[in-house]
C-alpha atoms as a PDB file:
ATOM      1  CA  UNK A   1     128.513 103.716 114.093  1.00  0.00           C
ATOM      2  CA  UNK A   2     125.993 105.338 111.784  1.00  0.00           C
ATOM      3  CA  UNK A   3     123.923 107.958 113.507  1.00  0.00           C
ATOM      4  CA  UNK A   4     121.094 110.339 112.679  1.00  0.00           C
ATOM      5  CA  UNK A   5     120.154 113.251 114.916  1.00  0.00           C
ATOM      6  CA  UNK A   6     116.918 115.169 114.521  1.00  0.00           C
ATOM      7  CA  UNK A   7     116.260 118.705 115.781  1.00  0.00           C
ATOM      8  CA  UNK A   8     113.784 121.523 115.335  1.00  0.00           C
ATOM      9  CA  UNK A   9     110.636 120.110 116.899  1.00  0.00           C
ATOM     10  CA  UNK A  10     108.453 122.158 119.200  1.00  0.00           C
ATOM     11  CA  UNK A  11     104.955 123.382 119.983  1.00  0.00           C
ATOM     12  CA  UNK A  12     103.039 125.667 117.683  1.00  0.00           C
ATOM     13  CA  UNK A  13      99.460 126.721 117.051  1.00  0.00           C
ATOM     14  CA  UNK A  14      97.422 125.708 114.041  1.00  0.00           C
ATOM     15  CA  UNK A  15      98.739 127.458 110.949  1.00  0.00           C
ATOM     16  CA  UNK A  16     102.254 127.805 112.364  1.00  0.00           C
ATOM     17  CA  UNK A  17     105.546 126.588 110.871  1.00  0.00           C
ATOM     18  CA  UNK A  18     108.483 124.502 111.987  1.00  0.00           C
ATOM     19  CA  UNK A  19     111.665 123.400 110.296  1.00  0.00           C
ATOM     20  CA  UNK A  20     113.072 120.024 111.199  1.00  0.00           C
ATOM     21  CA  UNK A  21     116.676 119.049 110.520  1.00  0.00           C
ATOM     22  CA  UNK A  22     118.444 115.712 110.528  1.00  0.00           C
ATOM     23  CA  UNK A  23     122.239 115.488 110.736  1.00  0.00           C
ATOM     24  CA  UNK A  24     123.775 112.254 109.512  1.00  0.00           C
ATOM     25  CA  UNK A  25     127.125 110.903 110.615  1.00  0.00           C
ATOM     26  CA  UNK A  26     129.888 110.177 108.136  1.00  0.00           C
ATOM     27  CA  UNK A  27     128.947 106.495 108.166  1.00  0.00           C
ATOM     28  CA  UNK A  28     125.679 107.343 106.395  1.00  0.00           C
ATOM     29  CA  UNK A  29     126.179 107.614 102.660  1.00  0.00           C
ATOM     30  CA  UNK A  30     125.698 111.260 101.630  1.00  0.00           C
ATOM     31  CA  UNK A  31     123.635 110.293  98.589  1.00  0.00           C
ATOM     32  CA  UNK A  32     121.536 107.652 100.281  1.00  0.00           C
ATOM     33  CA  UNK A  33     117.743 107.734 100.171  1.00  0.00           C
ATOM     34  CA  UNK A  34     116.547 109.736 103.199  1.00  0.00           C
ATOM     35  CA  UNK A  35     113.060 110.141 104.506  1.00  0.00           C
ATOM     36  CA  UNK A  36     110.880 111.617 107.215  1.00  0.00           C
ATOM     37  CA  UNK A  37     108.417 109.457 109.089  1.00  0.00           C
ATOM     38  CA  UNK A  38     106.132 110.250 111.981  1.00  0.00           C
ATOM     39  CA  UNK A  39     104.456 108.236 114.693  1.00  0.00           C
ATOM     40  CA  UNK A  40     101.780 108.791 117.313  1.00  0.00           C
ATOM     41  CA  UNK A  41     101.190 106.496 120.307  1.00  0.00           C
ATOM     42  CA  UNK A  42      99.535 103.246 119.341  1.00  0.00           C
ATOM     43  CA  UNK A  43      99.969 103.737 115.614  1.00  0.00           C
ATOM     44  CA  UNK A  44     102.401 102.533 112.999  1.00  0.00           C
ATOM     45  CA  UNK A  45     105.202 104.812 111.900  1.00  0.00           C
ATOM     46  CA  UNK A  46     104.021 106.464 108.687  1.00  0.00           C
ATOM     47  CA  UNK A  47     105.926 108.020 105.819  1.00  0.00           C
ATOM     48  CA  UNK A  48     105.788 111.762 105.433  1.00  0.00           C
ATOM     49  CA  UNK A  49     108.296 112.534 102.665  1.00  0.00           C
ATOM     50  CA  UNK A  50     111.135 110.809 100.892  1.00  0.00           C
ATOM     51  CA  UNK A  51     113.978 112.047  98.724  1.00  0.00           C
ATOM     52  CA  UNK A  52     116.244 109.879  96.646  1.00  0.00           C
ATOM     53  CA  UNK A  53     119.934 110.388  96.027  1.00  0.00           C
ATOM     54  CA  UNK A  54     119.005 112.039  92.693  1.00  0.00           C
ATOM     55  CA  UNK A  55     116.536 114.369  94.359  1.00  0.00           C
ATOM     56  CA  UNK A  56     113.284 112.623  93.403  1.00  0.00           C
ATOM     57  CA  UNK A  57     110.685 113.556  96.053  1.00  0.00           C
ATOM     58  CA  UNK A  58     107.510 111.902  97.230  1.00  0.00           C
ATOM     59  CA  UNK A  59     105.068 113.254  99.796  1.00  0.00           C
ATOM     60  CA  UNK A  60     102.238 111.683 101.709  1.00  0.00           C
ATOM     61  CA  UNK A  61      98.883 113.052 100.487  1.00  0.00           C
ATOM     62  CA  UNK A  62      98.199 114.529 103.916  1.00  0.00           C
ATOM     63  CA  UNK A  63     101.185 116.897 103.742  1.00  0.00           C
ATOM     64  CA  UNK A  64     101.338 117.793 100.040  1.00  0.00           C
ATOM     65  CA  UNK A  65     101.445 121.536  99.483  1.00  0.00           C
ATOM     66  CA  UNK A  66     102.372 122.197 103.156  1.00  0.00           C
ATOM     67  CA  UNK A  67     105.648 120.341 103.751  1.00  0.00           C
ATOM     68  CA  UNK A  68     108.894 120.587 101.784  1.00  0.00           C
ATOM     69  CA  UNK A  69     111.700 118.065 102.097  1.00  0.00           C
ATOM     70  CA  UNK A  70     115.251 119.021 101.072  1.00  0.00           C
ATOM     71  CA  UNK A  71     118.746 117.628 101.428  1.00  0.00           C
ATOM     72  CA  UNK A  72     122.248 119.050 101.583  1.00  0.00           C
ATOM     73  CA  UNK A  73     124.671 116.285 100.620  1.00  0.00           C
ATOM     74  CA  UNK A  74     127.654 118.485 101.332  1.00  0.00           C
ATOM     75  CA  UNK A  75     126.604 118.728 104.957  1.00  0.00           C
ATOM     76  CA  UNK A  76     124.928 115.313 104.939  1.00  0.00           C
ATOM     77  CA  UNK A  77     121.727 116.801 106.333  1.00  0.00           C
ATOM     78  CA  UNK A  78     118.050 116.398 105.660  1.00  0.00           C
ATOM     79  CA  UNK A  79     115.424 119.064 106.284  1.00  0.00           C
ATOM     80  CA  UNK A  80     111.647 119.268 106.482  1.00  0.00           C
ATOM     81  CA  UNK A  81     109.955 122.661 106.213  1.00  0.00           C
ATOM     82  CA  UNK A  82     106.470 122.362 107.651  1.00  0.00           C
ATOM     83  CA  UNK A  83     103.994 125.147 107.006  1.00  0.00           C
ATOM     84  CA  UNK A  84     100.314 125.559 107.781  1.00  0.00           C
ATOM     85  CA  UNK A  85     100.548 122.941 110.518  1.00  0.00           C
ATOM     86  CA  UNK A  86      97.429 121.211 111.725  1.00  0.00           C
ATOM     87  CA  UNK A  87      96.662 119.412 115.008  1.00  0.00           C
ATOM     88  CA  UNK A  88      96.714 116.092 113.121  1.00  0.00           C
ATOM     89  CA  UNK A  89     100.411 116.727 112.360  1.00  0.00           C
ATOM     90  CA  UNK A  90     101.169 116.244 116.027  1.00  0.00           C
ATOM     91  CA  UNK A  91     103.592 113.321 116.300  1.00  0.00           C
ATOM     92  CA  UNK A  92     107.166 112.271 116.913  1.00  0.00           C
ATOM     93  CA  UNK A  93     109.048 112.860 113.712  1.00  0.00           C
ATOM     94  CA  UNK A  94     111.947 110.581 112.711  1.00  0.00           C
ATOM     95  CA  UNK A  95     114.436 110.703 109.916  1.00  0.00           C
ATOM     96  CA  UNK A  96     115.522 107.495 108.285  1.00  0.00           C
ATOM     97  CA  UNK A  97     118.256 106.623 105.804  1.00  0.00           C
ATOM     98  CA  UNK A  98     118.871 103.698 103.514  1.00  0.00           C
ATOM     99  CA  UNK A  99     122.092 102.098 102.248  1.00  0.00           C
ATOM    100  CA  UNK A 100     121.321 103.028  98.673  1.00  0.00           C
ATOM    101  CA  UNK A 101     120.184 106.067  96.687  1.00  0.00           C
ATOM    102  CA  UNK A 102     116.912 104.370  95.801  1.00  0.00           C
ATOM    103  CA  UNK A 103     113.832 105.011  97.926  1.00  0.00           C
ATOM    104  CA  UNK A 104     111.144 102.331  98.004  1.00  0.00           C
ATOM    105  CA  UNK A 105     107.531 103.321  97.671  1.00  0.00           C
ATOM    106  CA  UNK A 106     106.304 105.022 100.820  1.00  0.00           C
ATOM    107  CA  UNK A 107     103.699 102.318 101.388  1.00  0.00           C
ATOM    108  CA  UNK A 108     106.533  99.822 101.830  1.00  0.00           C
ATOM    109  CA  UNK A 109     106.931 101.262 105.286  1.00  0.00           C
ATOM    110  CA  UNK A 110     109.633 102.032 107.767  1.00  0.00           C
ATOM    111  CA  UNK A 111     111.109  98.600 108.291  1.00  0.00           C
ATOM    112  CA  UNK A 112     113.339  98.773 105.208  1.00  0.00           C
ATOM    113  CA  UNK A 113     115.312 101.694 106.633  1.00  0.00           C
ATOM    114  CA  UNK A 114     118.367 100.543 108.592  1.00  0.00           C
ATOM    115  CA  UNK A 115     119.268 103.931 110.076  1.00  0.00           C
ATOM    116  CA  UNK A 116     117.047 105.994 112.371  1.00  0.00           C
ATOM    117  CA  UNK A 117     117.331 108.955 114.655  1.00  0.00           C
ATOM    118  CA  UNK A 118     115.815 109.302 118.113  1.00  0.00           C
ATOM    119  CA  UNK A 119     113.035 111.566 116.927  1.00  0.00           C
ATOM    120  CA  UNK A 120     111.860 115.086 117.607  1.00  0.00           C
ATOM    121  CA  UNK A 121     108.401 115.926 118.935  1.00  0.00           C
ATOM    122  CA  UNK A 122     106.042 118.210 117.033  1.00  0.00           C
ATOM    123  CA  UNK A 123     102.894 119.399 118.817  1.00  0.00           C
ATOM    124  CA  UNK A 124     100.239 121.526 117.113  1.00  0.00           C
ATOM    125  CA  UNK A 125      97.445 123.003 119.183  1.00  0.00           C
ATOM    126  CA  UNK A 126      94.101 124.244 117.872  1.00  0.00           C
END
């Protein structure tokens, strides 16, 4: 059964940094499109960053210049380096993976991702 497992969340103050990781099981194609999403209570899950199998990256405007997504296909892992964190970054962060290398536009939303992890909480205090 395909599985994604996130780690690295925590609590930091404004301006701090965290590095999230997502380990994918062997059932998840190593070169598949992988993405980070986040969600706060009562709101839709929103895209944060996506990376295609070829390494093409897209960021949400709200995180550009602060977050960096990367992938290690040898280890089948996905990472998100988050710097200069702000209180509005507080959310549950999820990694998602597709069947294919292609990533749809971020505005397409989370429902087209068949694989999800359980999430890791990020809390940023002012």
